[in-house]
Amino acid sequence: MSTAPDALVLDATCRIAGVASLKEACDASASDLTIDASGVESVDAAALQCLLAVRRQCEAMSRGFTIATPSEAFLGAARTVGLDETLGLCATAGE
């Protein structure tokens, strides 16, 4: 995972180890959290669950959480495990 000027960029191969640091990023920042998932080629269920936990953490702290420009692979994986709506991806996917 890397940091873009306005977003945290997920790795092409998105695994739990790569997204676990998002919790610390949420704790350390007073602003909304934007995740760039445009380059994700594969993502596992554990990483998606971690993203959901971070989303809930942001909500509890009254901060915004957005997954910007998710790739088709990211959207497909989220749909498969039933987290697309919970992660706020349905509007992004045009559903």
PDB file of N, CA and C in Angstrom:
ATOM      1  N   MET A   1       0.847  -1.167   0.000  1.00  0.00           N
ATOM      2  CA  MET A   1       0.000   0.000   0.000  1.00  0.00           C
ATOM      3  C   MET A   1       0.893   1.230   0.000  1.00  0.00           C
ATOM      4  N   SER A   2       0.529   2.229  -0.814  1.00  0.00           N
ATOM      5  CA  SER A   2       1.273   3.481  -0.846  1.00  0.00           C
ATOM      6  C   SER A   2       0.318   4.639  -0.609  1.00  0.00           C
ATOM      7  N   THR A   3       0.902   5.809  -0.437  1.00  0.00           N
ATOM      8  CA  THR A   3       0.094   6.992  -0.166  1.00  0.00           C
ATOM      9  C   THR A   3       0.144   7.931  -1.348  1.00  0.00           C
ATOM     10  N   ALA A   4      -1.000   8.238  -1.915  1.00  0.00           N
ATOM     11  CA  ALA A   4      -1.127   9.254  -2.953  1.00  0.00           C
ATOM     12  C   ALA A   4      -1.455  10.565  -2.243  1.00  0.00           C
ATOM     13  N   PRO A   5      -1.412  11.696  -2.952  1.00  0.00           N
ATOM     14  CA  PRO A   5      -1.689  12.970  -2.283  1.00  0.00           C
ATOM     15  C   PRO A   5      -3.015  12.995  -1.520  1.00  0.00           C
ATOM     16  N   ASP A   6      -4.052  12.416  -2.072  1.00  0.00           N
ATOM     17  CA  ASP A   6      -5.361  12.463  -1.420  1.00  0.00           C
ATOM     18  C   ASP A   6      -5.914  11.098  -1.051  1.00  0.00           C
ATOM     19  N   ALA A   7      -5.171  10.031  -1.308  1.00  0.00           N
ATOM     20  CA  ALA A   7      -5.716   8.693  -1.072  1.00  0.00           C
ATOM     21  C   ALA A   7      -4.610   7.712  -0.719  1.00  0.00           C
ATOM     22  N   LEU A   8      -5.000   6.656  -0.030  1.00  0.00           N
ATOM     23  CA  LEU A   8      -4.106   5.535   0.215  1.00  0.00           C
ATOM     24  C   LEU A   8      -4.336   4.543  -0.917  1.00  0.00           C
ATOM     25  N   VAL A   9      -3.272   4.158  -1.596  1.00  0.00           N
ATOM     26  CA  VAL A   9      -3.372   3.310  -2.782  1.00  0.00           C
ATOM     27  C   VAL A   9      -3.124   1.856  -2.393  1.00  0.00           C
ATOM     28  N   LEU A  10      -4.093   1.001  -2.700  1.00  0.00           N
ATOM     29  CA  LEU A  10      -3.942  -0.427  -2.423  1.00  0.00           C
ATOM     30  C   LEU A  10      -3.029  -1.075  -3.453  1.00  0.00           C
ATOM     31  N   ASP A  11      -2.292  -2.098  -3.019  1.00  0.00           N
ATOM     32  CA  ASP A  11      -1.418  -2.852  -3.912  1.00  0.00           C
ATOM     33  C   ASP A  11      -2.236  -3.650  -4.922  1.00  0.00           C
ATOM     34  N   ALA A  12      -1.594  -4.030  -6.021  1.00  0.00           N
ATOM     35  CA  ALA A  12      -2.258  -4.833  -7.051  1.00  0.00           C
ATOM     36  C   ALA A  12      -2.751  -6.156  -6.468  1.00  0.00           C
ATOM     37  N   THR A  13      -1.937  -6.775  -5.622  1.00  0.00           N
ATOM     38  CA  THR A  13      -2.334  -7.980  -4.912  1.00  0.00           C
ATOM     39  C   THR A  13      -2.657  -7.557  -3.491  1.00  0.00           C
ATOM     40  N   CYS A  14      -3.918  -7.436  -3.199  1.00  0.00           N
ATOM     41  CA  CYS A  14      -4.394  -6.866  -1.936  1.00  0.00           C
ATOM     42  C   CYS A  14      -4.680  -7.987  -0.940  1.00  0.00           C
ATOM     43  N   ARG A  15      -3.845  -8.057   0.087  1.00  0.00           N
ATOM     44  CA  ARG A  15      -3.978  -9.079   1.119  1.00  0.00           C
ATOM     45  C   ARG A  15      -4.086  -8.406   2.484  1.00  0.00           C
ATOM     46  N   ILE A  16      -4.455  -9.161   3.489  1.00  0.00           N
ATOM     47  CA  ILE A  16      -4.647  -8.625   4.830  1.00  0.00           C
ATOM     48  C   ILE A  16      -3.400  -7.894   5.329  1.00  0.00           C
ATOM     49  N   ALA A  17      -2.227  -8.426   5.066  1.00  0.00           N
ATOM     50  CA  ALA A  17      -0.994  -7.785   5.537  1.00  0.00           C
ATOM     51  C   ALA A  17      -0.825  -6.389   4.950  1.00  0.00           C
ATOM     52  N   GLY A  18      -1.319  -6.186   3.746  1.00  0.00           N
ATOM     53  CA  GLY A  18      -1.172  -4.894   3.094  1.00  0.00           C
ATOM     54  C   GLY A  18      -2.182  -3.851   3.524  1.00  0.00           C
ATOM     55  N   VAL A  19      -3.295  -4.273   4.107  1.00  0.00           N
ATOM     56  CA  VAL A  19      -4.323  -3.305   4.500  1.00  0.00           C
ATOM     57  C   VAL A  19      -4.445  -3.145   6.014  1.00  0.00           C
ATOM     58  N   ALA A  20      -3.757  -3.985   6.764  1.00  0.00           N
ATOM     59  CA  ALA A  20      -3.850  -3.907   8.222  1.00  0.00           C
ATOM     60  C   ALA A  20      -3.400  -2.549   8.751  1.00  0.00           C
ATOM     61  N   SER A  21      -2.488  -1.895   8.056  1.00  0.00           N
ATOM     62  CA  SER A  21      -1.990  -0.590   8.502  1.00  0.00           C
ATOM     63  C   SER A  21      -3.023   0.522   8.323  1.00  0.00           C
ATOM     64  N   LEU A  22      -4.122   0.247   7.633  1.00  0.00           N
ATOM     65  CA  LEU A  22      -5.166   1.259   7.453  1.00  0.00           C
ATOM     66  C   LEU A  22      -5.788   1.670   8.781  1.00  0.00           C
ATOM     67  N   LYS A  23      -5.850   0.753   9.727  1.00  0.00           N
ATOM     68  CA  LYS A  23      -6.396   1.086  11.044  1.00  0.00           C
ATOM     69  C   LYS A  23      -5.555   2.176  11.685  1.00  0.00           C
ATOM     70  N   GLU A  24      -4.240   2.029  11.609  1.00  0.00           N
ATOM     71  CA  GLU A  24      -3.352   3.042  12.167  1.00  0.00           C
ATOM     72  C   GLU A  24      -3.487   4.363  11.416  1.00  0.00           C
ATOM     73  N   ALA A  25      -3.667   4.292  10.100  1.00  0.00           N
ATOM     74  CA  ALA A  25      -3.846   5.509   9.303  1.00  0.00           C
ATOM     75  C   ALA A  25      -5.117   6.232   9.726  1.00  0.00           C
ATOM     76  N   CYS A  26      -6.150   5.480  10.006  1.00  0.00           N
ATOM     77  CA  CYS A  26      -7.409   6.074  10.457  1.00  0.00           C
ATOM     78  C   CYS A  26      -7.221   6.714  11.833  1.00  0.00           C
ATOM     79  N   ASP A  27      -6.527   6.027  12.726  1.00  0.00           N
ATOM     80  CA  ASP A  27      -6.272   6.562  14.065  1.00  0.00           C
ATOM     81  C   ASP A  27      -5.435   7.836  14.015  1.00  0.00           C
ATOM     82  N   ALA A  28      -4.468   7.875  13.104  1.00  0.00           N
ATOM     83  CA  ALA A  28      -3.511   8.979  13.048  1.00  0.00           C
ATOM     84  C   ALA A  28      -4.057  10.223  12.363  1.00  0.00           C
ATOM     85  N   SER A  29      -5.097  10.082  11.593  1.00  0.00           N
ATOM     86  CA  SER A  29      -5.619  11.200  10.808  1.00  0.00           C
ATOM     87  C   SER A  29      -6.908  11.745  11.406  1.00  0.00           C
ATOM     88  N   ALA A  30      -7.082  13.034  11.270  1.00  0.00           N
ATOM     89  CA  ALA A  30      -8.327  13.659  11.715  1.00  0.00           C
ATOM     90  C   ALA A  30      -9.274  13.886  10.542  1.00  0.00           C
ATOM     91  N   SER A  31      -8.847  13.482   9.357  1.00  0.00           N
ATOM     92  CA  SER A  31      -9.655  13.737   8.166  1.00  0.00           C
ATOM     93  C   SER A  31     -10.296  12.450   7.648  1.00  0.00           C
ATOM     94  N   ASP A  32     -11.116  12.617   6.627  1.00  0.00           N
ATOM     95  CA  ASP A  32     -11.754  11.476   5.984  1.00  0.00           C
ATOM     96  C   ASP A  32     -10.698  10.581   5.344  1.00  0.00           C
ATOM     97  N   LEU A  33     -11.030   9.318   5.156  1.00  0.00           N
ATOM     98  CA  LEU A  33     -10.102   8.344   4.582  1.00  0.00           C
ATOM     99  C   LEU A  33     -10.589   7.934   3.199  1.00  0.00           C
ATOM    100  N   THR A  34      -9.717   8.101   2.212  1.00  0.00           N
ATOM    101  CA  THR A  34     -10.023   7.687   0.843  1.00  0.00           C
ATOM    102  C   THR A  34      -9.040   6.605   0.437  1.00  0.00           C
ATOM    103  N   ILE A  35      -9.570   5.512  -0.079  1.00  0.00           N
ATOM    104  CA  ILE A  35      -8.780   4.372  -0.526  1.00  0.00           C
ATOM    105  C   ILE A  35      -8.868   4.301  -2.044  1.00  0.00           C
ATOM    106  N   ASP A  36      -7.724   4.246  -2.713  1.00  0.00           N
ATOM    107  CA  ASP A  36      -7.678   4.091  -4.169  1.00  0.00           C
ATOM    108  C   ASP A  36      -7.499   2.608  -4.474  1.00  0.00           C
ATOM    109  N   ALA A  37      -8.536   1.991  -5.004  1.00  0.00           N
ATOM    110  CA  ALA A  37      -8.507   0.563  -5.324  1.00  0.00           C
ATOM    111  C   ALA A  37      -8.461   0.330  -6.829  1.00  0.00           C
ATOM    112  N   SER A  38      -8.060   1.341  -7.586  1.00  0.00           N
ATOM    113  CA  SER A  38      -8.098   1.248  -9.049  1.00  0.00           C
ATOM    114  C   SER A  38      -7.105   0.245  -9.622  1.00  0.00           C
ATOM    115  N   GLY A  39      -6.006   0.003  -8.937  1.00  0.00           N
ATOM    116  CA  GLY A  39      -4.991  -0.903  -9.458  1.00  0.00           C
ATOM    117  C   GLY A  39      -5.050  -2.310  -8.898  1.00  0.00           C
ATOM    118  N   VAL A  40      -6.077  -2.613  -8.124  1.00  0.00           N
ATOM    119  CA  VAL A  40      -6.183  -3.934  -7.498  1.00  0.00           C
ATOM    120  C   VAL A  40      -6.520  -4.979  -8.556  1.00  0.00           C
ATOM    121  N   GLU A  41      -5.682  -6.012  -8.623  1.00  0.00           N
ATOM    122  CA  GLU A  41      -5.899  -7.124  -9.556  1.00  0.00           C
ATOM    123  C   GLU A  41      -6.488  -8.341  -8.857  1.00  0.00           C
ATOM    124  N   SER A  42      -6.191  -8.479  -7.563  1.00  0.00           N
ATOM    125  CA  SER A  42      -6.779  -9.553  -6.762  1.00  0.00           C
ATOM    126  C   SER A  42      -6.839  -9.093  -5.313  1.00  0.00           C
ATOM    127  N   VAL A  43      -7.876  -9.567  -4.621  1.00  0.00           N
ATOM    128  CA  VAL A  43      -8.068  -9.193  -3.217  1.00  0.00           C
ATOM    129  C   VAL A  43      -8.671 -10.382  -2.493  1.00  0.00           C
ATOM    130  N   ASP A  44      -8.193 -10.638  -1.280  1.00  0.00           N
ATOM    131  CA  ASP A  44      -8.752 -11.767  -0.538  1.00  0.00           C
ATOM    132  C   ASP A  44      -9.827 -11.298   0.444  1.00  0.00           C
ATOM    133  N   ALA A  45     -10.608 -12.246   0.921  1.00  0.00           N
ATOM    134  CA  ALA A  45     -11.728 -11.931   1.811  1.00  0.00           C
ATOM    135  C   ALA A  45     -11.252 -11.281   3.102  1.00  0.00           C
ATOM    136  N   ALA A  46     -10.105 -11.698   3.612  1.00  0.00           N
ATOM    137  CA  ALA A  46      -9.593 -11.112   4.853  1.00  0.00           C
ATOM    138  C   ALA A  46      -9.286  -9.630   4.675  1.00  0.00           C
ATOM    139  N   ALA A  47      -8.752  -9.246   3.528  1.00  0.00           N
ATOM    140  CA  ALA A  47      -8.478  -7.831   3.255  1.00  0.00           C
ATOM    141  C   ALA A  47      -9.778  -7.047   3.178  1.00  0.00           C
ATOM    142  N   LEU A  48     -10.795  -7.616   2.553  1.00  0.00           N
ATOM    143  CA  LEU A  48     -12.098  -6.952   2.478  1.00  0.00           C
ATOM    144  C   LEU A  48     -12.712  -6.793   3.866  1.00  0.00           C
ATOM    145  N   GLN A  49     -12.568  -7.805   4.708  1.00  0.00           N
ATOM    146  CA  GLN A  49     -13.081  -7.715   6.074  1.00  0.00           C
ATOM    147  C   GLN A  49     -12.343  -6.635   6.858  1.00  0.00           C
ATOM    148  N   CYS A  50     -11.050  -6.516   6.643  1.00  0.00           N
ATOM    149  CA  CYS A  50     -10.271  -5.471   7.297  1.00  0.00           C
ATOM    150  C   CYS A  50     -10.736  -4.092   6.838  1.00  0.00           C
ATOM    151  N   LEU A  51     -10.985  -3.936   5.543  1.00  0.00           N
ATOM    152  CA  LEU A  51     -11.493  -2.667   5.022  1.00  0.00           C
ATOM    153  C   LEU A  51     -12.851  -2.331   5.642  1.00  0.00           C
ATOM    154  N   LEU A  52     -13.684  -3.332   5.835  1.00  0.00           N
ATOM    155  CA  LEU A  52     -14.976  -3.107   6.477  1.00  0.00           C
ATOM    156  C   LEU A  52     -14.780  -2.636   7.918  1.00  0.00           C
ATOM    157  N   ALA A  53     -13.853  -3.246   8.635  1.00  0.00           N
ATOM    158  CA  ALA A  53     -13.577  -2.827  10.015  1.00  0.00           C
ATOM    159  C   ALA A  53     -13.082  -1.382  10.056  1.00  0.00           C
ATOM    160  N   VAL A  54     -12.243  -1.007   9.102  1.00  0.00           N
ATOM    161  CA  VAL A  54     -11.746   0.369   9.045  1.00  0.00           C
ATOM    162  C   VAL A  54     -12.888   1.323   8.703  1.00  0.00           C
ATOM    163  N   ARG A  55     -13.768   0.920   7.789  1.00  0.00           N
ATOM    164  CA  ARG A  55     -14.935   1.760   7.465  1.00  0.00           C
ATOM    165  C   ARG A  55     -15.771   2.008   8.716  1.00  0.00           C
ATOM    166  N   ARG A  56     -16.023   0.959   9.473  1.00  0.00           N
ATOM    167  CA  ARG A  56     -16.822   1.098  10.697  1.00  0.00           C
ATOM    168  C   ARG A  56     -16.104   1.967  11.730  1.00  0.00           C
ATOM    169  N   GLN A  57     -14.798   1.833  11.800  1.00  0.00           N
ATOM    170  CA  GLN A  57     -14.008   2.664  12.702  1.00  0.00           C
ATOM    171  C   GLN A  57     -14.134   4.137  12.302  1.00  0.00           C
ATOM    172  N   CYS A  58     -14.030   4.422  11.017  1.00  0.00           N
ATOM    173  CA  CYS A  58     -14.186   5.801  10.533  1.00  0.00           C
ATOM    174  C   CYS A  58     -15.572   6.338  10.873  1.00  0.00           C
ATOM    175  N   GLU A  59     -16.595   5.524  10.660  1.00  0.00           N
ATOM    176  CA  GLU A  59     -17.959   5.950  10.971  1.00  0.00           C
ATOM    177  C   GLU A  59     -18.108   6.258  12.456  1.00  0.00           C
ATOM    178  N   ALA A  60     -17.517   5.427  13.312  1.00  0.00           N
ATOM    179  CA  ALA A  60     -17.592   5.649  14.757  1.00  0.00           C
ATOM    180  C   ALA A  60     -16.887   6.943  15.164  1.00  0.00           C
ATOM    181  N   MET A  61     -15.917   7.352  14.368  1.00  0.00           N
ATOM    182  CA  MET A  61     -15.163   8.578  14.638  1.00  0.00           C
ATOM    183  C   MET A  61     -15.720   9.763  13.848  1.00  0.00           C
ATOM    184  N   SER A  62     -16.894   9.577  13.242  1.00  0.00           N
ATOM    185  CA  SER A  62     -17.554  10.615  12.423  1.00  0.00           C
ATOM    186  C   SER A  62     -16.676  11.106  11.283  1.00  0.00           C
ATOM    187  N   ARG A  63     -15.988  10.169  10.648  1.00  0.00           N
ATOM    188  CA  ARG A  63     -15.155  10.483   9.488  1.00  0.00           C
ATOM    189  C   ARG A  63     -15.691   9.749   8.273  1.00  0.00           C
ATOM    190  N   GLY A  64     -15.454  10.340   7.123  1.00  0.00           N
ATOM    191  CA  GLY A  64     -15.848   9.697   5.886  1.00  0.00           C
ATOM    192  C   GLY A  64     -14.889   8.577   5.514  1.00  0.00           C
ATOM    193  N   PHE A  65     -15.400   7.612   4.773  1.00  0.00           N
ATOM    194  CA  PHE A  65     -14.596   6.496   4.265  1.00  0.00           C
ATOM    195  C   PHE A  65     -15.070   6.222   2.848  1.00  0.00           C
ATOM    196  N   THR A  66     -14.153   6.315   1.891  1.00  0.00           N
ATOM    197  CA  THR A  66     -14.505   6.115   0.491  1.00  0.00           C
ATOM    198  C   THR A  66     -13.498   5.192  -0.167  1.00  0.00           C
ATOM    199  N   ILE A  67     -14.003   4.234  -0.937  1.00  0.00           N
ATOM    200  CA  ILE A  67     -13.140   3.439  -1.804  1.00  0.00           C
ATOM    201  C   ILE A  67     -13.332   4.015  -3.193  1.00  0.00           C
ATOM    202  N   ALA A  68     -12.320   4.731  -3.657  1.00  0.00           N
ATOM    203  CA  ALA A  68     -12.402   5.447  -4.931  1.00  0.00           C
ATOM    204  C   ALA A  68     -11.973   4.553  -6.087  1.00  0.00           C
ATOM    205  N   THR A  69     -12.645   4.690  -7.185  1.00  0.00           N
ATOM    206  CA  THR A  69     -12.349   4.000  -8.447  1.00  0.00           C
ATOM    207  C   THR A  69     -11.922   2.545  -8.262  1.00  0.00           C
ATOM    208  N   PRO A  70     -12.764   1.725  -7.637  1.00  0.00           N
ATOM    209  CA  PRO A  70     -12.390   0.318  -7.464  1.00  0.00           C
ATOM    210  C   PRO A  70     -12.300  -0.397  -8.811  1.00  0.00           C
ATOM    211  N   SER A  71     -11.301  -1.243  -8.935  1.00  0.00           N
ATOM    212  CA  SER A  71     -11.140  -2.024 -10.163  1.00  0.00           C
ATOM    213  C   SER A  71     -12.251  -3.061 -10.266  1.00  0.00           C
ATOM    214  N   GLU A  72     -12.417  -3.611 -11.454  1.00  0.00           N
ATOM    215  CA  GLU A  72     -13.414  -4.677 -11.640  1.00  0.00           C
ATOM    216  C   GLU A  72     -13.088  -5.880 -10.766  1.00  0.00           C
ATOM    217  N   ALA A  73     -11.800  -6.190 -10.601  1.00  0.00           N
ATOM    218  CA  ALA A  73     -11.405  -7.315  -9.752  1.00  0.00           C
ATOM    219  C   ALA A  73     -11.810  -7.061  -8.301  1.00  0.00           C
ATOM    220  N   PHE A  74     -11.612  -5.838  -7.841  1.00  0.00           N
ATOM    221  CA  PHE A  74     -11.987  -5.475  -6.476  1.00  0.00           C
ATOM    222  C   PHE A  74     -13.504  -5.561  -6.307  1.00  0.00           C
ATOM    223  N   LEU A  75     -14.244  -4.974  -7.236  1.00  0.00           N
ATOM    224  CA  LEU A  75     -15.707  -5.022  -7.183  1.00  0.00           C
ATOM    225  C   LEU A  75     -16.224  -6.455  -7.202  1.00  0.00           C
ATOM    226  N   GLY A  76     -15.652  -7.277  -8.077  1.00  0.00           N
ATOM    227  CA  GLY A  76     -16.083  -8.670  -8.186  1.00  0.00           C
ATOM    228  C   GLY A  76     -15.856  -9.446  -6.904  1.00  0.00           C
ATOM    229  N   ALA A  77     -14.702  -9.241  -6.287  1.00  0.00           N
ATOM    230  CA  ALA A  77     -14.407  -9.935  -5.032  1.00  0.00           C
ATOM    231  C   ALA A  77     -15.356  -9.478  -3.925  1.00  0.00           C
ATOM    232  N   ALA A  78     -15.616  -8.179  -3.868  1.00  0.00           N
ATOM    233  CA  ALA A  78     -16.533  -7.656  -2.848  1.00  0.00           C
ATOM    234  C   ALA A  78     -17.944  -8.211  -3.052  1.00  0.00           C
ATOM    235  N   ARG A  79     -18.367  -8.311  -4.305  1.00  0.00           N
ATOM    236  CA  ARG A  79     -19.690  -8.889  -4.604  1.00  0.00           C
ATOM    237  C   ARG A  79     -19.746 -10.356  -4.189  1.00  0.00           C
ATOM    238  N   THR A  80     -18.686 -11.090  -4.492  1.00  0.00           N
ATOM    239  CA  THR A  80     -18.638 -12.521  -4.198  1.00  0.00           C
ATOM    240  C   THR A  80     -18.824 -12.800  -2.713  1.00  0.00           C
ATOM    241  N   VAL A  81     -18.213 -11.987  -1.862  1.00  0.00           N
ATOM    242  CA  VAL A  81     -18.331 -12.211  -0.416  1.00  0.00           C
ATOM    243  C   VAL A  81     -19.466 -11.400   0.212  1.00  0.00           C
ATOM    244  N   GLY A  82     -20.215 -10.677  -0.621  1.00  0.00           N
ATOM    245  CA  GLY A  82     -21.379  -9.945  -0.139  1.00  0.00           C
ATOM    246  C   GLY A  82     -21.077  -8.652   0.599  1.00  0.00           C
ATOM    247  N   LEU A  83     -19.923  -8.050   0.328  1.00  0.00           N
ATOM    248  CA  LEU A  83     -19.558  -6.812   1.015  1.00  0.00           C
ATOM    249  C   LEU A  83     -19.619  -5.577   0.128  1.00  0.00           C
ATOM    250  N   ASP A  84     -20.072  -5.717  -1.105  1.00  0.00           N
ATOM    251  CA  ASP A  84     -20.081  -4.560  -2.008  1.00  0.00           C
ATOM    252  C   ASP A  84     -20.961  -3.433  -1.469  1.00  0.00           C
ATOM    253  N   GLU A  85     -22.148  -3.754  -1.025  1.00  0.00           N
ATOM    254  CA  GLU A  85     -23.042  -2.719  -0.497  1.00  0.00           C
ATOM    255  C   GLU A  85     -22.526  -2.173   0.832  1.00  0.00           C
ATOM    256  N   THR A  86     -22.079  -3.056   1.711  1.00  0.00           N
ATOM    257  CA  THR A  86     -21.595  -2.650   3.025  1.00  0.00           C
ATOM    258  C   THR A  86     -20.371  -1.745   2.924  1.00  0.00           C
ATOM    259  N   LEU A  87     -19.544  -1.979   1.914  1.00  0.00           N
ATOM    260  CA  LEU A  87     -18.364  -1.138   1.706  1.00  0.00           C
ATOM    261  C   LEU A  87     -18.684   0.131   0.917  1.00  0.00           C
ATOM    262  N   GLY A  88     -19.939   0.293   0.532  1.00  0.00           N
ATOM    263  CA  GLY A  88     -20.342   1.490  -0.196  1.00  0.00           C
ATOM    264  C   GLY A  88     -19.983   1.465  -1.663  1.00  0.00           C
ATOM    265  N   LEU A  89     -19.914   0.267  -2.249  1.00  0.00           N
ATOM    266  CA  LEU A  89     -19.470   0.128  -3.636  1.00  0.00           C
ATOM    267  C   LEU A  89     -20.605   0.057  -4.647  1.00  0.00           C
ATOM    268  N   CYS A  90     -21.829  -0.127  -4.214  1.00  0.00           N
ATOM    269  CA  CYS A  90     -22.933  -0.286  -5.168  1.00  0.00           C
ATOM    270  C   CYS A  90     -23.124   0.947  -6.025  1.00  0.00           C
ATOM    271  N   ALA A  91     -23.060   2.127  -5.443  1.00  0.00           N
ATOM    272  CA  ALA A  91     -23.204   3.360  -6.223  1.00  0.00           C
ATOM    273  C   ALA A  91     -22.045   3.508  -7.197  1.00  0.00           C
ATOM    274  N   THR A  92     -20.855   3.102  -6.774  1.00  0.00           N
ATOM    275  CA  THR A  92     -19.672   3.164  -7.626  1.00  0.00           C
ATOM    276  C   THR A  92     -19.831   2.263  -8.833  1.00  0.00           C
ATOM    277  N   ALA A  93     -20.431   1.100  -8.616  1.00  0.00           N
ATOM    278  CA  ALA A  93     -20.584   0.125  -9.687  1.00  0.00           C
ATOM    279  C   ALA A  93     -21.785   0.428 -10.569  1.00  0.00           C
ATOM    280  N   GLY A  94     -22.552   1.448 -10.210  1.00  0.00           N
ATOM    281  CA  GLY A  94     -23.704   1.809 -11.021  1.00  0.00           C
ATOM    282  C   GLY A  94     -24.911   0.925 -10.805  1.00  0.00           C
ATOM    283  N   GLU A  95     -24.985   0.281  -9.656  1.00  0.00           N
ATOM    284  CA  GLU A  95     -26.113  -0.608  -9.360  1.00  0.00           C
ATOM    285  C   GLU A  95     -27.230   0.156  -8.715  1.00  0.00           C
TER     286      GLU A  95
END
